[in-house]
Amino acid sequence: LIQQTTQDYSIEVLNPPPDACDPEEWKTFFETILESECTDNHVVLCSIALNNQELIHHLAECRRLLLKLELMTPLGVKFDKENIDDVVNEIPIPPLWKRILCCASDPNKILSKIKFHE
């Protein structure tokens, strides 16, 4: 027996209109097209996967920077992403020699990068 997979019944749309992101609208569209082609025109599932590599990159970078800030947070200071400005004010700025020789980071610069990626 030949085993069938979801790929046997999947359709990929290349270059759809930018505003076409409603799965129900796509489902209706495909059922309408299939109506004339076959007797069983039921679409079981319609999902939309956007080409969002840039968004994923920004989210990953933001998470990396937040972890860096969390590791810099002094003991006794609660790391709270909702009040990140207050947390950064509690983190001491490393001396210049550490920033040059040890690649230590200024917490304010990390915060500005996080805000850029949001």
N, C-alpha and C. Protein backbone atom coordinates (compact mmCIF):
# COMPACT_ATOMS: atom_id res chain seq x y z
N LEU A 1 0.82 -1.19 0.00
CA LEU A 1 0.00 0.00 0.00
C LEU A 1 0.87 1.26 0.00
N ILE A 2 0.43 2.24 -0.73
CA ILE A 2 1.11 3.53 -0.75
C ILE A 2 0.49 4.40 0.32
N GLN A 3 1.34 4.95 1.17
CA GLN A 3 0.83 5.80 2.25
C GLN A 3 0.69 7.23 1.75
N GLN A 4 -0.45 7.84 2.03
CA GLN A 4 -0.69 9.21 1.63
C GLN A 4 -0.33 10.14 2.79
N THR A 5 0.14 11.32 2.45
CA THR A 5 0.50 12.31 3.46
C THR A 5 -0.29 13.59 3.20
N THR A 6 -0.17 14.53 4.13
CA THR A 6 -0.85 15.82 3.95
C THR A 6 -0.33 16.56 2.73
N GLN A 7 0.91 16.30 2.35
CA GLN A 7 1.46 16.96 1.16
C GLN A 7 0.70 16.57 -0.10
N ASP A 8 0.12 15.38 -0.09
CA ASP A 8 -0.65 14.93 -1.25
C ASP A 8 -1.90 15.79 -1.45
N TYR A 9 -2.32 16.47 -0.42
CA TYR A 9 -3.55 17.25 -0.48
C TYR A 9 -3.34 18.72 -0.11
N SER A 10 -2.08 19.16 -0.14
CA SER A 10 -1.77 20.53 0.26
C SER A 10 -1.58 21.44 -0.95
N ILE A 11 -1.91 22.69 -0.76
CA ILE A 11 -1.73 23.70 -1.80
C ILE A 11 -0.93 24.85 -1.20
N GLU A 12 0.09 25.27 -1.92
CA GLU A 12 0.89 26.42 -1.48
C GLU A 12 0.62 27.56 -2.46
N VAL A 13 0.28 28.71 -1.93
CA VAL A 13 0.02 29.89 -2.77
C VAL A 13 1.23 30.79 -2.69
N LEU A 14 1.83 31.03 -3.83
CA LEU A 14 2.99 31.92 -3.90
C LEU A 14 2.52 33.31 -4.29
N ASN A 15 3.06 34.32 -3.65
CA ASN A 15 2.74 35.72 -3.92
C ASN A 15 1.25 36.06 -3.79
N PRO A 16 0.64 35.72 -2.67
CA PRO A 16 -0.76 36.12 -2.48
C PRO A 16 -0.84 37.63 -2.23
N PRO A 17 -2.01 38.21 -2.36
CA PRO A 17 -2.15 39.64 -2.04
C PRO A 17 -1.75 39.89 -0.58
N PRO A 18 -1.14 41.02 -0.28
CA PRO A 18 -0.67 41.29 1.08
C PRO A 18 -1.78 41.28 2.14
N ASP A 19 -3.00 41.59 1.74
CA ASP A 19 -4.09 41.65 2.73
C ASP A 19 -4.86 40.33 2.83
N ALA A 20 -4.41 39.31 2.13
CA ALA A 20 -5.12 38.02 2.12
C ALA A 20 -4.64 37.15 3.28
N CYS A 21 -5.11 37.43 4.48
CA CYS A 21 -4.64 36.69 5.65
C CYS A 21 -5.78 36.11 6.49
N ASP A 22 -6.94 35.96 5.90
CA ASP A 22 -8.08 35.37 6.60
C ASP A 22 -8.25 33.92 6.13
N PRO A 23 -7.98 32.93 7.00
CA PRO A 23 -8.09 31.52 6.60
C PRO A 23 -9.48 31.14 6.10
N GLU A 24 -10.52 31.71 6.70
CA GLU A 24 -11.89 31.39 6.26
C GLU A 24 -12.15 31.86 4.83
N GLU A 25 -11.61 33.01 4.50
CA GLU A 25 -11.76 33.53 3.14
C GLU A 25 -11.06 32.61 2.13
N TRP A 26 -9.87 32.14 2.48
CA TRP A 26 -9.14 31.21 1.62
C TRP A 26 -9.90 29.88 1.50
N LYS A 27 -10.45 29.41 2.60
CA LYS A 27 -11.20 28.14 2.61
C LYS A 27 -12.38 28.23 1.64
N THR A 28 -13.12 29.32 1.72
CA THR A 28 -14.26 29.53 0.82
C THR A 28 -13.79 29.60 -0.64
N PHE A 29 -12.70 30.29 -0.85
CA PHE A 29 -12.15 30.43 -2.20
C PHE A 29 -11.80 29.06 -2.80
N PHE A 30 -11.09 28.22 -2.02
CA PHE A 30 -10.69 26.91 -2.53
C PHE A 30 -11.89 25.99 -2.72
N GLU A 31 -12.85 26.05 -1.83
CA GLU A 31 -14.05 25.22 -1.99
C GLU A 31 -14.81 25.62 -3.25
N THR A 32 -14.85 26.90 -3.56
CA THR A 32 -15.53 27.38 -4.77
C THR A 32 -14.82 26.85 -6.02
N ILE A 33 -13.51 26.90 -6.03
CA ILE A 33 -12.75 26.40 -7.17
C ILE A 33 -12.94 24.89 -7.32
N LEU A 34 -12.88 24.17 -6.20
CA LEU A 34 -13.00 22.71 -6.23
C LEU A 34 -14.40 22.24 -6.60
N GLU A 35 -15.38 23.10 -6.41
CA GLU A 35 -16.78 22.75 -6.70
C GLU A 35 -16.96 22.24 -8.13
N SER A 36 -16.30 22.87 -9.06
CA SER A 36 -16.45 22.47 -10.46
C SER A 36 -15.51 21.32 -10.83
N GLU A 37 -14.52 21.04 -9.98
CA GLU A 37 -13.52 20.04 -10.31
C GLU A 37 -13.79 18.66 -9.71
N CYS A 38 -14.46 18.59 -8.57
CA CYS A 38 -14.67 17.29 -7.94
C CYS A 38 -15.96 17.30 -7.13
N THR A 39 -16.43 16.10 -6.82
CA THR A 39 -17.70 16.00 -6.10
C THR A 39 -17.53 16.30 -4.61
N ASP A 40 -16.39 15.91 -4.04
CA ASP A 40 -16.16 16.19 -2.62
C ASP A 40 -15.27 17.41 -2.52
N ASN A 41 -15.86 18.56 -2.38
CA ASN A 41 -15.09 19.80 -2.40
C ASN A 41 -14.85 20.38 -1.01
N HIS A 42 -14.89 19.56 -0.01
CA HIS A 42 -14.75 20.03 1.37
C HIS A 42 -13.28 20.30 1.69
N VAL A 43 -12.98 21.50 2.14
CA VAL A 43 -11.64 21.84 2.59
C VAL A 43 -11.60 21.62 4.09
N VAL A 44 -10.73 20.72 4.53
CA VAL A 44 -10.67 20.35 5.95
C VAL A 44 -10.01 21.43 6.78
N LEU A 45 -8.91 21.96 6.30
CA LEU A 45 -8.15 22.92 7.09
C LEU A 45 -7.48 23.91 6.16
N CYS A 46 -7.48 25.13 6.58
CA CYS A 46 -6.77 26.17 5.85
C CYS A 46 -5.96 26.98 6.86
N SER A 47 -4.66 27.01 6.68
CA SER A 47 -3.83 27.81 7.57
C SER A 47 -2.95 28.72 6.74
N ILE A 48 -2.49 29.77 7.38
CA ILE A 48 -1.68 30.77 6.68
C ILE A 48 -0.34 30.87 7.40
N ALA A 49 0.72 30.69 6.66
CA ALA A 49 2.08 30.86 7.19
C ALA A 49 2.72 32.00 6.41
N LEU A 50 3.00 33.07 7.10
CA LEU A 50 3.55 34.25 6.45
C LEU A 50 5.06 34.14 6.32
N ASN A 51 5.58 34.81 5.36
CA ASN A 51 7.02 34.90 5.16
C ASN A 51 7.54 35.95 6.14
N ASN A 52 7.85 35.51 7.37
CA ASN A 52 8.15 36.48 8.42
C ASN A 52 9.52 36.27 9.05
N GLN A 53 10.53 35.98 8.24
CA GLN A 53 11.88 35.78 8.76
C GLN A 53 12.40 37.02 9.49
N GLU A 54 12.09 38.19 8.97
CA GLU A 54 12.58 39.42 9.59
C GLU A 54 11.98 39.59 11.00
N LEU A 55 10.70 39.30 11.15
CA LEU A 55 10.06 39.38 12.46
C LEU A 55 10.70 38.39 13.42
N ILE A 56 10.92 37.16 12.97
CA ILE A 56 11.54 36.14 13.81
C ILE A 56 12.93 36.58 14.24
N HIS A 57 13.69 37.17 13.32
CA HIS A 57 15.03 37.68 13.65
C HIS A 57 14.96 38.73 14.75
N HIS A 58 14.03 39.67 14.62
CA HIS A 58 13.90 40.73 15.63
C HIS A 58 13.50 40.15 16.99
N LEU A 59 12.58 39.20 17.00
CA LEU A 59 12.16 38.57 18.26
C LEU A 59 13.30 37.82 18.93
N ALA A 60 14.08 37.09 18.13
CA ALA A 60 15.22 36.34 18.68
C ALA A 60 16.28 37.29 19.23
N GLU A 61 16.54 38.36 18.51
CA GLU A 61 17.54 39.34 18.98
C GLU A 61 17.07 40.02 20.26
N CYS A 62 15.79 40.34 20.32
CA CYS A 62 15.22 40.96 21.52
C CYS A 62 15.35 40.01 22.71
N ARG A 63 15.06 38.74 22.51
CA ARG A 63 15.18 37.76 23.59
C ARG A 63 16.63 37.62 24.05
N ARG A 64 17.57 37.62 23.09
CA ARG A 64 18.99 37.51 23.43
C ARG A 64 19.44 38.71 24.27
N LEU A 65 19.02 39.90 23.88
CA LEU A 65 19.38 41.11 24.61
C LEU A 65 18.74 41.14 26.01
N LEU A 66 17.49 40.69 26.12
CA LEU A 66 16.84 40.63 27.43
C LEU A 66 17.57 39.67 28.37
N LEU A 67 18.01 38.54 27.83
CA LEU A 67 18.77 37.59 28.65
C LEU A 67 20.09 38.21 29.11
N LYS A 68 20.72 38.95 28.21
CA LYS A 68 21.97 39.63 28.57
C LYS A 68 21.74 40.60 29.72
N LEU A 69 20.65 41.38 29.65
CA LEU A 69 20.31 42.31 30.73
C LEU A 69 20.00 41.56 32.02
N GLU A 70 19.27 40.46 31.89
CA GLU A 70 18.91 39.68 33.09
C GLU A 70 20.17 39.17 33.79
N LEU A 71 21.16 38.74 33.01
CA LEU A 71 22.40 38.25 33.61
C LEU A 71 23.22 39.38 34.24
N MET A 72 23.00 40.60 33.81
CA MET A 72 23.70 41.75 34.38
C MET A 72 23.00 42.31 35.62
N THR A 73 21.76 41.90 35.85
CA THR A 73 20.97 42.43 36.96
C THR A 73 21.58 42.01 38.30
N PRO A 74 21.82 42.98 39.20
CA PRO A 74 22.43 42.65 40.50
C PRO A 74 21.53 41.74 41.34
N LEU A 75 22.15 40.97 42.20
CA LEU A 75 21.39 40.13 43.14
C LEU A 75 20.47 41.00 43.97
N GLY A 76 19.30 40.52 44.22
CA GLY A 76 18.33 41.26 45.01
C GLY A 76 17.42 42.16 44.20
N VAL A 77 17.75 42.37 42.92
CA VAL A 77 16.90 43.18 42.04
C VAL A 77 16.09 42.22 41.18
N LYS A 78 14.77 42.38 41.26
CA LYS A 78 13.89 41.51 40.49
C LYS A 78 13.91 41.95 39.03
N PHE A 79 14.18 40.99 38.14
CA PHE A 79 14.16 41.29 36.70
C PHE A 79 12.72 41.23 36.22
N ASP A 80 12.21 42.38 35.79
CA ASP A 80 10.82 42.49 35.35
C ASP A 80 10.78 43.13 33.98
N LYS A 81 10.42 42.35 32.97
CA LYS A 81 10.39 42.86 31.59
C LYS A 81 9.39 43.99 31.43
N GLU A 82 8.34 43.98 32.25
CA GLU A 82 7.31 45.03 32.14
C GLU A 82 7.84 46.39 32.61
N ASN A 83 8.82 46.37 33.50
CA ASN A 83 9.42 47.61 34.02
C ASN A 83 10.92 47.62 33.72
N ILE A 84 11.26 47.34 32.49
CA ILE A 84 12.65 47.18 32.10
C ILE A 84 13.47 48.44 32.31
N ASP A 85 12.86 49.62 32.16
CA ASP A 85 13.59 50.87 32.38
C ASP A 85 14.07 50.97 33.82
N ASP A 86 13.21 50.58 34.78
CA ASP A 86 13.59 50.60 36.20
C ASP A 86 14.71 49.61 36.48
N VAL A 87 14.63 48.44 35.86
CA VAL A 87 15.66 47.42 36.07
C VAL A 87 17.00 47.93 35.55
N VAL A 88 17.00 48.52 34.36
CA VAL A 88 18.25 49.02 33.77
C VAL A 88 18.87 50.10 34.65
N ASN A 89 18.04 50.91 35.29
CA ASN A 89 18.58 51.94 36.19
C ASN A 89 19.29 51.34 37.40
N GLU A 90 18.97 50.10 37.75
CA GLU A 90 19.60 49.41 38.88
C GLU A 90 20.90 48.71 38.50
N ILE A 91 21.14 48.55 37.20
CA ILE A 91 22.35 47.84 36.73
C ILE A 91 23.49 48.85 36.63
N PRO A 92 24.59 48.58 37.34
CA PRO A 92 25.73 49.51 37.24
C PRO A 92 26.38 49.45 35.86
N ILE A 93 26.80 50.61 35.38
CA ILE A 93 27.48 50.69 34.09
C ILE A 93 28.92 50.23 34.32
N PRO A 94 29.38 49.25 33.55
CA PRO A 94 30.75 48.78 33.74
C PRO A 94 31.76 49.88 33.43
N PRO A 95 32.89 49.87 34.11
CA PRO A 95 33.91 50.89 33.82
C PRO A 95 34.41 50.76 32.37
N LEU A 96 34.96 51.84 31.87
CA LEU A 96 35.41 51.89 30.49
C LEU A 96 36.40 50.78 30.17
N TRP A 97 37.33 50.50 31.06
CA TRP A 97 38.34 49.47 30.77
C TRP A 97 37.68 48.10 30.58
N LYS A 98 36.60 47.80 31.33
CA LYS A 98 35.91 46.52 31.16
C LYS A 98 35.17 46.50 29.83
N ARG A 99 34.60 47.63 29.45
CA ARG A 99 33.88 47.69 28.18
C ARG A 99 34.83 47.52 27.00
N ILE A 100 36.07 47.99 27.16
CA ILE A 100 37.05 47.88 26.08
C ILE A 100 37.71 46.49 26.07
N LEU A 101 38.22 46.06 27.23
CA LEU A 101 38.99 44.81 27.29
C LEU A 101 38.13 43.56 27.40
N CYS A 102 37.04 43.63 28.11
CA CYS A 102 36.26 42.42 28.40
C CYS A 102 34.95 42.36 27.60
N CYS A 103 34.75 43.29 26.74
CA CYS A 103 33.50 43.35 25.96
C CYS A 103 32.27 43.48 26.86
N ALA A 104 32.43 44.09 28.02
CA ALA A 104 31.28 44.35 28.89
C ALA A 104 30.39 45.39 28.20
N SER A 105 29.10 45.27 28.43
CA SER A 105 28.15 46.13 27.73
C SER A 105 27.52 47.16 28.65
N ASP A 106 27.21 48.29 28.09
CA ASP A 106 26.47 49.33 28.80
C ASP A 106 24.99 48.94 28.78
N PRO A 107 24.35 48.79 29.95
CA PRO A 107 22.95 48.36 29.96
C PRO A 107 22.01 49.32 29.22
N ASN A 108 22.32 50.60 29.22
CA ASN A 108 21.47 51.56 28.50
C ASN A 108 21.53 51.34 26.98
N LYS A 109 22.71 50.96 26.48
CA LYS A 109 22.84 50.67 25.05
C LYS A 109 22.07 49.40 24.69
N ILE A 110 22.11 48.41 25.58
CA ILE A 110 21.35 47.18 25.34
C ILE A 110 19.87 47.50 25.31
N LEU A 111 19.41 48.33 26.25
CA LEU A 111 18.00 48.72 26.29
C LEU A 111 17.59 49.44 25.01
N SER A 112 18.42 50.31 24.51
CA SER A 112 18.07 51.02 23.26
C SER A 112 18.00 50.05 22.08
N LYS A 113 18.84 49.01 22.07
CA LYS A 113 18.76 48.00 21.01
C LYS A 113 17.48 47.20 21.13
N ILE A 114 17.07 46.89 22.36
CA ILE A 114 15.81 46.16 22.58
C ILE A 114 14.64 46.98 22.04
N LYS A 115 14.63 48.26 22.37
CA LYS A 115 13.54 49.12 21.91
C LYS A 115 13.53 49.24 20.39
N PHE A 116 14.72 49.18 19.77
CA PHE A 116 14.78 49.21 18.32
C PHE A 116 14.15 47.96 17.72
N HIS A 117 14.37 46.81 18.35
CA HIS A 117 13.89 45.54 17.82
C HIS A 117 12.42 45.29 18.15
N GLU A 118 11.85 46.06 19.02
CA GLU A 118 10.41 45.89 19.34
C GLU A 118 9.63 46.54 18.29
